[in-house]
Amino acid sequence: MRKKFGPLKSINKANLKKVPKDQPGVYGIFASSGSVQKIGRAKKGRLPIRIKESSQEVKNSKKQAKKFAFIPTLTVEDAKKLETRLIRSRKPPFNKEKKGK
């Protein structure tokens, strides 16, 4: 099944509180133009924390990190497979090359 990111949301405290904490997932950090900057995965309970950490990583390099989106998954293994597939297809600039090969 092909999964896509949901609607893009601004990176702020209110939106991060709405992210589900009870399941693993894959997240994307996007520029204001909608281009993906980084894709990552998080275990159960860590999704909001990982989104915030990754957005800071992108912002520290003087790039845009304005929005995020996520795809909840059932298991960590599903999140790992989905993350790898999305990195291969989208080639975001802030992901390590070896993950996408």
C-alpha atoms as a PDB file:
ATOM      1  CA  MET A   1       0.000   0.000   0.000  1.00  0.00           C
ATOM      2  CA  ARG A   2       1.346   3.433  -0.942  1.00  0.00           C
ATOM      3  CA  LYS A   3       1.314   5.899   1.938  1.00  0.00           C
ATOM      4  CA  LYS A   4       1.633   9.664   1.700  1.00  0.00           C
ATOM      5  CA  PHE A   5       2.236  12.354   4.256  1.00  0.00           C
ATOM      6  CA  GLY A   6      -0.861  14.001   5.651  1.00  0.00           C
ATOM      7  CA  PRO A   7      -1.505  17.733   5.531  1.00  0.00           C
ATOM      8  CA  LEU A   8       1.458  19.961   6.325  1.00  0.00           C
ATOM      9  CA  LYS A   9       1.327  21.709   9.706  1.00  0.00           C
ATOM     10  CA  SER A  10       3.437  24.535  11.100  1.00  0.00           C
ATOM     11  CA  ILE A  11       6.139  23.513  13.539  1.00  0.00           C
ATOM     12  CA  ASN A  12       4.899  24.949  16.839  1.00  0.00           C
ATOM     13  CA  LYS A  13       4.055  23.703  20.334  1.00  0.00           C
ATOM     14  CA  ALA A  14       0.312  23.475  19.695  1.00  0.00           C
ATOM     15  CA  ASN A  15       0.701  21.288  16.592  1.00  0.00           C
ATOM     16  CA  LEU A  16       3.383  19.090  18.181  1.00  0.00           C
ATOM     17  CA  LYS A  17       1.024  18.361  21.093  1.00  0.00           C
ATOM     18  CA  LYS A  18      -1.510  16.974  18.588  1.00  0.00           C
ATOM     19  CA  VAL A  19       0.931  14.396  17.183  1.00  0.00           C
ATOM     20  CA  PRO A  20       0.004  10.871  18.350  1.00  0.00           C
ATOM     21  CA  LYS A  21       2.357   9.702  21.095  1.00  0.00           C
ATOM     22  CA  ASP A  22       1.066   6.145  21.399  1.00  0.00           C
ATOM     23  CA  GLN A  23       2.401   4.729  18.111  1.00  0.00           C
ATOM     24  CA  PRO A  24       5.528   4.820  15.952  1.00  0.00           C
ATOM     25  CA  GLY A  25       5.617   6.749  12.713  1.00  0.00           C
ATOM     26  CA  VAL A  26       7.498   8.438   9.903  1.00  0.00           C
ATOM     27  CA  TYR A  27       7.743  12.213   9.745  1.00  0.00           C
ATOM     28  CA  GLY A  28       8.831  14.743   7.162  1.00  0.00           C
ATOM     29  CA  ILE A  29      10.263  18.222   7.703  1.00  0.00           C
ATOM     30  CA  PHE A  30       9.294  20.616   4.906  1.00  0.00           C
ATOM     31  CA  ALA A  31      10.293  24.096   3.732  1.00  0.00           C
ATOM     32  CA  SER A  32       7.614  26.770   3.391  1.00  0.00           C
ATOM     33  CA  SER A  33       7.550  25.996  -0.349  1.00  0.00           C
ATOM     34  CA  GLY A  34       6.501  22.415   0.430  1.00  0.00           C
ATOM     35  CA  SER A  35       9.779  20.737  -0.542  1.00  0.00           C
ATOM     36  CA  VAL A  36      10.885  17.973   1.796  1.00  0.00           C
ATOM     37  CA  GLN A  37      14.082  18.706   3.747  1.00  0.00           C
ATOM     38  CA  LYS A  38      14.350  15.612   5.961  1.00  0.00           C
ATOM     39  CA  ILE A  39      12.529  12.323   6.536  1.00  0.00           C
ATOM     40  CA  GLY A  40      12.841  10.362   9.759  1.00  0.00           C
ATOM     41  CA  ARG A  41      11.159   7.785  11.962  1.00  0.00           C
ATOM     42  CA  ALA A  42      10.353   7.635  15.632  1.00  0.00           C
ATOM     43  CA  LYS A  43       9.480   4.930  18.113  1.00  0.00           C
ATOM     44  CA  LYS A  44       6.336   4.975  20.182  1.00  0.00           C
ATOM     45  CA  GLY A  45       6.207   8.078  22.362  1.00  0.00           C
ATOM     46  CA  ARG A  46       9.061   9.914  20.618  1.00  0.00           C
ATOM     47  CA  LEU A  47       7.397  11.338  17.509  1.00  0.00           C
ATOM     48  CA  PRO A  48       6.934  14.950  18.739  1.00  0.00           C
ATOM     49  CA  ILE A  49      10.453  15.022  20.202  1.00  0.00           C
ATOM     50  CA  ARG A  50      12.068  13.729  16.996  1.00  0.00           C
ATOM     51  CA  ILE A  51      10.137  16.239  14.846  1.00  0.00           C
ATOM     52  CA  LYS A  52      11.401  19.098  17.015  1.00  0.00           C
ATOM     53  CA  GLU A  53      15.011  17.796  16.989  1.00  0.00           C
ATOM     54  CA  SER A  54      15.050  17.354  13.214  1.00  0.00           C
ATOM     55  CA  SER A  55      13.547  20.768  12.547  1.00  0.00           C
ATOM     56  CA  GLN A  56      16.287  22.345  14.713  1.00  0.00           C
ATOM     57  CA  GLU A  57      18.926  20.434  12.735  1.00  0.00           C
ATOM     58  CA  VAL A  58      17.593  21.864   9.475  1.00  0.00           C
ATOM     59  CA  LYS A  59      17.233  25.394  10.907  1.00  0.00           C
ATOM     60  CA  ASN A  60      20.796  25.335  12.285  1.00  0.00           C
ATOM     61  CA  SER A  61      22.128  24.900   8.760  1.00  0.00           C
ATOM     62  CA  LYS A  62      20.327  28.102   7.683  1.00  0.00           C
ATOM     63  CA  LYS A  63      17.748  26.176   5.639  1.00  0.00           C
ATOM     64  CA  GLN A  64      14.003  26.410   5.929  1.00  0.00           C
ATOM     65  CA  ALA A  65      12.138  24.128   8.318  1.00  0.00           C
ATOM     66  CA  LYS A  66       8.663  25.573   8.569  1.00  0.00           C
ATOM     67  CA  LYS A  67       6.261  22.627   8.410  1.00  0.00           C
ATOM     68  CA  PHE A  68       5.965  18.947   9.205  1.00  0.00           C
ATOM     69  CA  ALA A  69       3.754  15.996   8.384  1.00  0.00           C
ATOM     70  CA  PHE A  70       3.680  12.433   9.637  1.00  0.00           C
ATOM     71  CA  ILE A  71       2.460   8.966   8.777  1.00  0.00           C
ATOM     72  CA  PRO A  72       1.550   6.787  11.766  1.00  0.00           C
ATOM     73  CA  THR A  73       2.547   3.118  11.466  1.00  0.00           C
ATOM     74  CA  LEU A  74       1.631  -0.012  13.394  1.00  0.00           C
ATOM     75  CA  THR A  75       5.148  -1.172  14.223  1.00  0.00           C
ATOM     76  CA  VAL A  76       8.688   0.201  14.335  1.00  0.00           C
ATOM     77  CA  GLU A  77       9.633  -2.254  11.554  1.00  0.00           C
ATOM     78  CA  ASP A  78       6.908  -0.782   9.314  1.00  0.00           C
ATOM     79  CA  ALA A  79       8.229   2.706  10.064  1.00  0.00           C
ATOM     80  CA  LYS A  80      11.777   1.653   9.162  1.00  0.00           C
ATOM     81  CA  LYS A  81      10.692   0.197   5.790  1.00  0.00           C
ATOM     82  CA  LEU A  82       8.520   3.193   4.961  1.00  0.00           C
ATOM     83  CA  GLU A  83      11.263   5.661   5.908  1.00  0.00           C
ATOM     84  CA  THR A  84      13.772   3.909   3.641  1.00  0.00           C
ATOM     85  CA  ARG A  85      11.328   3.863   0.727  1.00  0.00           C
ATOM     86  CA  LEU A  86      10.465   7.551   1.105  1.00  0.00           C
ATOM     87  CA  ILE A  87      14.133   8.567   1.336  1.00  0.00           C
ATOM     88  CA  ARG A  88      14.929   6.629  -1.836  1.00  0.00           C
ATOM     89  CA  SER A  89      12.093   8.190  -3.782  1.00  0.00           C
ATOM     90  CA  ARG A  90      12.265  11.796  -2.514  1.00  0.00           C
ATOM     91  CA  LYS A  91      16.025  12.176  -1.825  1.00  0.00           C
ATOM     92  CA  PRO A  92      15.769  14.865   0.884  1.00  0.00           C
ATOM     93  CA  PRO A  93      18.942  16.949   1.370  1.00  0.00           C
ATOM     94  CA  PHE A  94      19.290  16.288   5.120  1.00  0.00           C
ATOM     95  CA  ASN A  95      19.235  12.491   5.054  1.00  0.00           C
ATOM     96  CA  LYS A  96      22.320  10.316   4.967  1.00  0.00           C
ATOM     97  CA  GLU A  97      23.057   8.908   1.520  1.00  0.00           C
ATOM     98  CA  LYS A  98      23.553   5.328   2.724  1.00  0.00           C
ATOM     99  CA  LYS A  99      19.913   5.042   3.890  1.00  0.00           C
ATOM    100  CA  GLY A 100      18.596   5.811   0.437  1.00  0.00           C
ATOM    101  CA  LYS A 101      20.794   3.354  -1.490  1.00  0.00           C
END
